[in-house]
Each structure stands twice: as C-alpha cells, then as structure tokens.
Amino acid sequence: MPTHRVFRIHERPSHQRIAPFVDMSARHANAPSQAFLTSNFKIGGTTINKLTKNMTYTAAFVALNVILSTLVTIPIGIIRAAPMQHLINVLGAVITGPWVIVQAFISSTIRVLFGTGTVFAYPGSMIGALLAWLLYKYSKKLSLAATGEVIGTGVIGALSLYPLIIVLELDAQIFTVVAAAFLVSSLIGAITSYIILKQLEKHGVLRRI
C-alpha cells in the first residue's frame, strides 16, 4: 500500500507576517522627517543654520548701532566723533561677513528716519563696512579689517561727501568739518573694535561664533 506523506505548511499568524512590512514602512516613513530635523539645507551655498546666525547677529548689531550711536559721542574740538557705527562695522565684517553691509544700510536708514542721522551716514558707514569685509575676507587679519574701516570711511567715504554736498546744495565749507569727524570717528571705532576682537580671539570665542 503506497504511503503518502503529508506536508504541512506552517504559516505565521497574520499579524506576524504583516509586522515586518509595517516596521520597514515606518522606518522609511520616518527617515525623511529625521533627515529634515538633522540636515542643514542649502540656499545659494549658505546653510540654513548659518543664514539664521547671520540674520540674528545683524539684527543685534543694528539695534546696538541705532541706540549707541545716539548715546555715545565724543566731542573733539569743533567736531563730535561718533565711533559706534565704525566699531560695529568691524565687528560685523569679522562675524557676519557681507551681512555687515546690510547692517550698515539698515542702521543708517533707521537713524535718518528717527532724525538722529543724516544722509551722510550712508557713505560714512557702507563704504567702510564693504572695505572692512573685503580686506578681512582675503587676509583673515583683524588688523586689516580695522584698517579697511578707516580707509573706507575716513578717506573714501569722506571724499565722497563733497559731490553729495554739491548735489544737495549745502555750504561747501562743512565738508572739512564732516570729513574730519568721519576720520576721527572711524579711527576710534576701528581701534576699539580691534581690541575687542583680539580679546575674543585670544579666548577662542571667534572660533565658536
């Protein structure tokens, strides 16, 4: 009599068969969200974290500039030096890079709107900020960042005042006074910012920013 073997297929319960697939699906579903939380997306080569940092520092520098430029002035003879704009320009050039130009423009605009500054604030702040950033970018030397602020504001910015005075039909004799104020203010601000930055560098703060 032939014998027949009976083969039994032992199947896993349905919940055990489905569980691995559910688990794998859950892992794949969670992967994009985890990547979203941990990755740094790039916009034009700038990561979101870096963008946020620069915007935060720029906003803080604008606030300090507007407030301190009104409060801190140094009378020197017939001129009053206002070094805070130039101090913050050098700090911004080192810490935020090209965002320092945005800071200088916004700060100047707010001061003009509040009546605590004049249109001379634009060439007096933005040219110095630009040159401070460029010199620091290509040299990585704090001294050249400070030098760029002095040359940009105290020399180039001061010379750019004369055609602006002519266009605005102002008394040309004020050029000497305003130019001297630009030079003295930028010198004081640049030297002070250099001292601050050297201390930050000495204690390793600049590397962590």
C-alpha atoms as a PDB file:
ATOM      1  CA  MET A   1       0.000   0.000   0.000  1.00  0.00           C
ATOM      2  CA  PRO A   2       1.581   3.262  -1.068  1.00  0.00           C
ATOM      3  CA  THR A   3       2.302   5.691   1.590  1.00  0.00           C
ATOM      4  CA  HIS A   4       1.562   9.339   1.192  1.00  0.00           C
ATOM      5  CA  ARG A   5       3.433  11.922   3.054  1.00  0.00           C
ATOM      6  CA  VAL A   6       1.501  14.874   4.161  1.00  0.00           C
ATOM      7  CA  PHE A   7       3.397  18.102   4.123  1.00  0.00           C
ATOM      8  CA  ARG A   8       2.110  20.787   6.361  1.00  0.00           C
ATOM      9  CA  ILE A   9       2.954  24.352   5.689  1.00  0.00           C
ATOM     10  CA  HIS A  10       3.397  26.129   8.916  1.00  0.00           C
ATOM     11  CA  GLU A  11       2.320  29.691   8.371  1.00  0.00           C
ATOM     12  CA  ARG A  12       2.961  32.529  10.710  1.00  0.00           C
ATOM     13  CA  PRO A  13      -0.026  34.297  12.156  1.00  0.00           C
ATOM     14  CA  SER A  14      -1.175  37.142  10.002  1.00  0.00           C
ATOM     15  CA  HIS A  15      -0.059  39.823  12.465  1.00  0.00           C
ATOM     16  CA  GLN A  16       3.480  38.375  12.436  1.00  0.00           C
ATOM     17  CA  ARG A  17       3.603  38.382   8.637  1.00  0.00           C
ATOM     18  CA  ILE A  18       2.448  41.966   8.394  1.00  0.00           C
ATOM     19  CA  ALA A  19       4.540  43.366  11.236  1.00  0.00           C
ATOM     20  CA  PRO A  20       7.936  43.323   9.437  1.00  0.00           C
ATOM     21  CA  PHE A  21       6.466  45.160   6.473  1.00  0.00           C
ATOM     22  CA  VAL A  22       4.781  47.674   8.723  1.00  0.00           C
ATOM     23  CA  ASP A  23       8.033  48.149  10.625  1.00  0.00           C
ATOM     24  CA  MET A  24      10.023  48.680   7.415  1.00  0.00           C
ATOM     25  CA  SER A  25       7.416  51.081   6.100  1.00  0.00           C
ATOM     26  CA  ALA A  26       7.520  53.022   9.349  1.00  0.00           C
ATOM     27  CA  ARG A  27      11.275  53.281   9.163  1.00  0.00           C
ATOM     28  CA  HIS A  28      11.180  54.595   5.607  1.00  0.00           C
ATOM     29  CA  ALA A  29       8.374  56.970   6.516  1.00  0.00           C
ATOM     30  CA  ASN A  30      10.345  58.356   9.458  1.00  0.00           C
ATOM     31  CA  ALA A  31      13.591  58.696   7.517  1.00  0.00           C
ATOM     32  CA  PRO A  32      12.644  61.923   5.650  1.00  0.00           C
ATOM     33  CA  SER A  33      11.442  63.574   8.848  1.00  0.00           C
ATOM     34  CA  GLN A  34      14.648  62.635  10.662  1.00  0.00           C
ATOM     35  CA  ALA A  35      16.713  63.956   7.773  1.00  0.00           C
ATOM     36  CA  PHE A  36      14.638  67.129   7.828  1.00  0.00           C
ATOM     37  CA  LEU A  37      15.421  67.680  11.502  1.00  0.00           C
ATOM     38  CA  THR A  38      19.128  66.874  11.354  1.00  0.00           C
ATOM     39  CA  SER A  39      20.292  68.169   7.975  1.00  0.00           C
ATOM     40  CA  ASN A  40      21.362  71.668   7.032  1.00  0.00           C
ATOM     41  CA  PHE A  41      19.622  72.690   3.843  1.00  0.00           C
ATOM     42  CA  LYS A  42      21.457  74.985   1.491  1.00  0.00           C
ATOM     43  CA  ILE A  43      20.223  78.124  -0.216  1.00  0.00           C
ATOM     44  CA  GLY A  44      22.747  79.514  -2.665  1.00  0.00           C
ATOM     45  CA  GLY A  45      25.582  77.701  -0.879  1.00  0.00           C
ATOM     46  CA  THR A  46      24.597  79.021   2.562  1.00  0.00           C
ATOM     47  CA  THR A  47      23.183  76.613   5.124  1.00  0.00           C
ATOM     48  CA  ILE A  48      20.018  77.479   6.981  1.00  0.00           C
ATOM     49  CA  ASN A  49      21.845  77.473  10.311  1.00  0.00           C
ATOM     50  CA  LYS A  50      24.471  79.903   9.037  1.00  0.00           C
ATOM     51  CA  LEU A  51      21.797  82.098   7.478  1.00  0.00           C
ATOM     52  CA  THR A  52      19.876  82.238  10.747  1.00  0.00           C
ATOM     53  CA  LYS A  53      23.051  83.043  12.686  1.00  0.00           C
ATOM     54  CA  ASN A  54      23.986  85.908  10.361  1.00  0.00           C
ATOM     55  CA  MET A  55      20.473  87.349  10.425  1.00  0.00           C
ATOM     56  CA  THR A  56      20.410  87.204  14.224  1.00  0.00           C
ATOM     57  CA  TYR A  57      23.781  88.905  14.620  1.00  0.00           C
ATOM     58  CA  THR A  58      22.855  91.513  12.011  1.00  0.00           C
ATOM     59  CA  ALA A  59      19.627  92.377  13.843  1.00  0.00           C
ATOM     60  CA  ALA A  60      21.547  92.672  17.123  1.00  0.00           C
ATOM     61  CA  PHE A  61      24.196  94.895  15.535  1.00  0.00           C
ATOM     62  CA  VAL A  62      21.528  97.135  14.010  1.00  0.00           C
ATOM     63  CA  ALA A  63      19.862  97.588  17.405  1.00  0.00           C
ATOM     64  CA  LEU A  64      23.173  98.330  19.136  1.00  0.00           C
ATOM     65  CA  ASN A  65      24.199 100.711  16.377  1.00  0.00           C
ATOM     66  CA  VAL A  66      20.998 102.754  16.438  1.00  0.00           C
ATOM     67  CA  ILE A  67      20.940 103.026  20.242  1.00  0.00           C
ATOM     68  CA  LEU A  68      24.636 103.525  20.980  1.00  0.00           C
ATOM     69  CA  SER A  69      25.264 105.921  18.090  1.00  0.00           C
ATOM     70  CA  THR A  70      22.726 108.236  19.694  1.00  0.00           C
ATOM     71  CA  LEU A  71      24.143 107.916  23.200  1.00  0.00           C
ATOM     72  CA  VAL A  72      27.887 107.742  22.618  1.00  0.00           C
ATOM     73  CA  THR A  73      29.530 110.786  21.070  1.00  0.00           C
ATOM     74  CA  ILE A  74      32.946 112.211  21.819  1.00  0.00           C
ATOM     75  CA  PRO A  75      33.456 115.989  21.460  1.00  0.00           C
ATOM     76  CA  ILE A  76      36.848 116.779  19.936  1.00  0.00           C
ATOM     77  CA  GLY A  77      37.285 120.480  19.294  1.00  0.00           C
ATOM     78  CA  ILE A  78      34.590 121.656  16.900  1.00  0.00           C
ATOM     79  CA  ILE A  79      33.584 118.137  15.883  1.00  0.00           C
ATOM     80  CA  ARG A  80      31.767 115.333  17.665  1.00  0.00           C
ATOM     81  CA  ALA A  81      33.093 111.858  16.951  1.00  0.00           C
ATOM     82  CA  ALA A  82      30.515 109.054  16.788  1.00  0.00           C
ATOM     83  CA  PRO A  83      32.604 105.864  16.813  1.00  0.00           C
ATOM     84  CA  MET A  84      29.916 103.239  17.482  1.00  0.00           C
ATOM     85  CA  GLN A  85      28.938 102.764  13.819  1.00  0.00           C
ATOM     86  CA  HIS A  86      32.547 102.055  12.909  1.00  0.00           C
ATOM     87  CA  LEU A  87      33.136  99.802  15.899  1.00  0.00           C
ATOM     88  CA  ILE A  88      30.119  97.703  14.941  1.00  0.00           C
ATOM     89  CA  ASN A  89      31.141  97.713  11.265  1.00  0.00           C
ATOM     90  CA  VAL A  90      34.430  95.982  12.061  1.00  0.00           C
ATOM     91  CA  LEU A  91      32.746  93.508  14.421  1.00  0.00           C
ATOM     92  CA  GLY A  92      30.155  92.747  11.756  1.00  0.00           C
ATOM     93  CA  ALA A  93      32.749  92.367   8.993  1.00  0.00           C
ATOM     94  CA  VAL A  94      34.534  89.675  11.025  1.00  0.00           C
ATOM     95  CA  ILE A  95      31.479  87.902  12.453  1.00  0.00           C
ATOM     96  CA  THR A  96      28.816  88.181   9.729  1.00  0.00           C
ATOM     97  CA  GLY A  97      30.831  88.770   6.554  1.00  0.00           C
ATOM     98  CA  PRO A  98      28.904  90.553   3.762  1.00  0.00           C
ATOM     99  CA  TRP A  99      25.894  90.950   6.047  1.00  0.00           C
ATOM    100  CA  VAL A 100      27.743  93.894   7.574  1.00  0.00           C
ATOM    101  CA  ILE A 101      26.765  95.932   4.506  1.00  0.00           C
ATOM    102  CA  VAL A 102      23.092  95.139   5.147  1.00  0.00           C
ATOM    103  CA  GLN A 103      23.570  96.141   8.763  1.00  0.00           C
ATOM    104  CA  ALA A 104      25.164  99.465   7.793  1.00  0.00           C
ATOM    105  CA  PHE A 105      22.356 100.276   5.342  1.00  0.00           C
ATOM    106  CA  ILE A 106      19.515  99.414   7.738  1.00  0.00           C
ATOM    107  CA  SER A 107      21.174 101.233  10.642  1.00  0.00           C
ATOM    108  CA  SER A 108      21.720 104.370   8.553  1.00  0.00           C
ATOM    109  CA  THR A 109      18.134 104.289   7.274  1.00  0.00           C
ATOM    110  CA  ILE A 110      16.668 103.968  10.777  1.00  0.00           C
ATOM    111  CA  ARG A 111      18.844 106.791  12.089  1.00  0.00           C
ATOM    112  CA  VAL A 112      17.794 109.051   9.212  1.00  0.00           C
ATOM    113  CA  LEU A 113      14.106 108.212   9.769  1.00  0.00           C
ATOM    114  CA  PHE A 114      14.408 108.883  13.508  1.00  0.00           C
ATOM    115  CA  GLY A 115      16.209 112.165  12.900  1.00  0.00           C
ATOM    116  CA  THR A 116      19.383 111.042  14.694  1.00  0.00           C
ATOM    117  CA  GLY A 117      21.408 110.827  11.496  1.00  0.00           C
ATOM    118  CA  THR A 118      21.777 112.439   8.087  1.00  0.00           C
ATOM    119  CA  VAL A 119      22.211 111.189   4.521  1.00  0.00           C
ATOM    120  CA  PHE A 120      25.944 111.393   5.161  1.00  0.00           C
ATOM    121  CA  ALA A 121      25.504 108.215   7.213  1.00  0.00           C
ATOM    122  CA  TYR A 122      25.215 106.119   4.041  1.00  0.00           C
ATOM    123  CA  PRO A 123      28.671 106.804   2.556  1.00  0.00           C
ATOM    124  CA  GLY A 124      30.033 107.088   6.072  1.00  0.00           C
ATOM    125  CA  SER A 125      29.018 103.566   7.028  1.00  0.00           C
ATOM    126  CA  MET A 126      28.542 101.419   3.936  1.00  0.00           C
ATOM    127  CA  ILE A 127      31.855 102.087   2.191  1.00  0.00           C
ATOM    128  CA  GLY A 128      33.792 101.379   5.371  1.00  0.00           C
ATOM    129  CA  ALA A 129      31.765  98.216   6.007  1.00  0.00           C
ATOM    130  CA  LEU A 130      32.407  96.969   2.479  1.00  0.00           C
ATOM    131  CA  LEU A 131      36.148  97.552   2.598  1.00  0.00           C
ATOM    132  CA  ALA A 132      36.475  96.085   6.115  1.00  0.00           C
ATOM    133  CA  TRP A 133      34.731  92.897   4.967  1.00  0.00           C
ATOM    134  CA  LEU A 134      36.762  92.567   1.759  1.00  0.00           C
ATOM    135  CA  LEU A 135      40.110  93.037   3.468  1.00  0.00           C
ATOM    136  CA  TYR A 136      39.220  90.580   6.217  1.00  0.00           C
ATOM    137  CA  LYS A 137      37.789  88.057   3.750  1.00  0.00           C
ATOM    138  CA  TYR A 138      41.000  87.820   1.724  1.00  0.00           C
ATOM    139  CA  SER A 139      43.511  88.239   4.560  1.00  0.00           C
ATOM    140  CA  LYS A 140      41.761  86.844   7.679  1.00  0.00           C
ATOM    141  CA  LYS A 141      43.611  89.501   9.676  1.00  0.00           C
ATOM    142  CA  LEU A 142      41.767  91.562  12.265  1.00  0.00           C
ATOM    143  CA  SER A 143      44.131  94.475  11.777  1.00  0.00           C
ATOM    144  CA  LEU A 144      43.224  94.735   8.092  1.00  0.00           C
ATOM    145  CA  ALA A 145      39.509  94.653   8.902  1.00  0.00           C
ATOM    146  CA  ALA A 146      40.034  97.673  11.160  1.00  0.00           C
ATOM    147  CA  THR A 147      42.249  99.347   8.546  1.00  0.00           C
ATOM    148  CA  GLY A 148      39.586  98.802   5.898  1.00  0.00           C
ATOM    149  CA  GLU A 149      37.030 100.620   8.037  1.00  0.00           C
ATOM    150  CA  VAL A 150      39.330 103.613   8.495  1.00  0.00           C
ATOM    151  CA  ILE A 151      40.248 103.827   4.801  1.00  0.00           C
ATOM    152  CA  GLY A 152      36.697 103.166   3.623  1.00  0.00           C
ATOM    153  CA  THR A 153      35.070 105.689   5.932  1.00  0.00           C
ATOM    154  CA  GLY A 154      37.786 108.156   6.903  1.00  0.00           C
ATOM    155  CA  VAL A 155      39.247 108.535   3.410  1.00  0.00           C
ATOM    156  CA  ILE A 156      36.995 107.234   0.621  1.00  0.00           C
ATOM    157  CA  GLY A 157      33.744 107.935   2.449  1.00  0.00           C
ATOM    158  CA  ALA A 158      34.927 111.406   3.437  1.00  0.00           C
ATOM    159  CA  LEU A 159      35.915 112.255  -0.152  1.00  0.00           C
ATOM    160  CA  SER A 160      32.547 111.034  -1.428  1.00  0.00           C
ATOM    161  CA  LEU A 161      30.857 113.661   0.747  1.00  0.00           C
ATOM    162  CA  TYR A 162      31.959 116.579  -1.401  1.00  0.00           C
ATOM    163  CA  PRO A 163      29.890 115.729  -4.522  1.00  0.00           C
ATOM    164  CA  LEU A 164      26.974 114.875  -2.232  1.00  0.00           C
ATOM    165  CA  ILE A 165      27.242 118.291  -0.593  1.00  0.00           C
ATOM    166  CA  ILE A 166      27.262 119.937  -4.020  1.00  0.00           C
ATOM    167  CA  VAL A 167      24.223 117.967  -5.206  1.00  0.00           C
ATOM    168  CA  LEU A 168      22.307 118.836  -2.045  1.00  0.00           C
ATOM    169  CA  GLU A 169      23.340 122.497  -2.472  1.00  0.00           C
ATOM    170  CA  LEU A 170      24.802 122.705   1.010  1.00  0.00           C
ATOM    171  CA  ASP A 171      27.550 125.009   2.179  1.00  0.00           C
ATOM    172  CA  ALA A 172      30.799 123.547   0.873  1.00  0.00           C
ATOM    173  CA  GLN A 173      32.614 124.732   3.999  1.00  0.00           C
ATOM    174  CA  ILE A 174      31.017 121.968   6.062  1.00  0.00           C
ATOM    175  CA  PHE A 175      32.994 119.414   4.068  1.00  0.00           C
ATOM    176  CA  THR A 176      36.138 119.904   6.141  1.00  0.00           C
ATOM    177  CA  VAL A 177      34.294 119.517   9.440  1.00  0.00           C
ATOM    178  CA  VAL A 178      32.316 116.443   8.400  1.00  0.00           C
ATOM    179  CA  ALA A 179      35.321 114.791   6.760  1.00  0.00           C
ATOM    180  CA  ALA A 180      37.370 115.328   9.911  1.00  0.00           C
ATOM    181  CA  ALA A 181      34.558 113.826  12.006  1.00  0.00           C
ATOM    182  CA  PHE A 182      34.484 110.777   9.719  1.00  0.00           C
ATOM    183  CA  LEU A 183      38.211 110.224  10.042  1.00  0.00           C
ATOM    184  CA  VAL A 184      38.360 110.652  13.817  1.00  0.00           C
ATOM    185  CA  SER A 185      35.215 108.570  14.424  1.00  0.00           C
ATOM    186  CA  SER A 186      36.427 105.718  12.231  1.00  0.00           C
ATOM    187  CA  LEU A 187      39.843 105.713  13.917  1.00  0.00           C
ATOM    188  CA  ILE A 188      38.370 105.497  17.422  1.00  0.00           C
ATOM    189  CA  GLY A 189      35.795 102.889  16.436  1.00  0.00           C
ATOM    190  CA  ALA A 190      38.258 100.732  14.484  1.00  0.00           C
ATOM    191  CA  ILE A 191      40.880 100.741  17.241  1.00  0.00           C
ATOM    192  CA  THR A 192      38.282  99.874  19.890  1.00  0.00           C
ATOM    193  CA  SER A 193      36.809  97.065  17.802  1.00  0.00           C
ATOM    194  CA  TYR A 194      40.281  95.671  17.106  1.00  0.00           C
ATOM    195  CA  ILE A 195      40.990  95.478  20.846  1.00  0.00           C
ATOM    196  CA  ILE A 196      37.655  93.727  21.441  1.00  0.00           C
ATOM    197  CA  LEU A 197      38.206  91.243  18.621  1.00  0.00           C
ATOM    198  CA  LYS A 198      41.737  90.419  19.765  1.00  0.00           C
ATOM    199  CA  GLN A 199      40.378  89.554  23.197  1.00  0.00           C
ATOM    200  CA  LEU A 200      37.653  87.402  21.661  1.00  0.00           C
ATOM    201  CA  GLU A 201      40.256  85.665  19.514  1.00  0.00           C
ATOM    202  CA  LYS A 202      42.569  85.151  22.485  1.00  0.00           C
ATOM    203  CA  HIS A 203      39.837  83.379  24.456  1.00  0.00           C
ATOM    204  CA  GLY A 204      38.681  81.291  21.477  1.00  0.00           C
ATOM    205  CA  VAL A 205      35.317  82.980  21.160  1.00  0.00           C
ATOM    206  CA  LEU A 206      35.711  83.842  17.473  1.00  0.00           C
ATOM    207  CA  ARG A 207      36.228  80.187  16.593  1.00  0.00           C
ATOM    208  CA  ARG A 208      32.932  79.277  18.241  1.00  0.00           C
ATOM    209  CA  ILE A 209      30.888  82.007  16.562  1.00  0.00           C
END
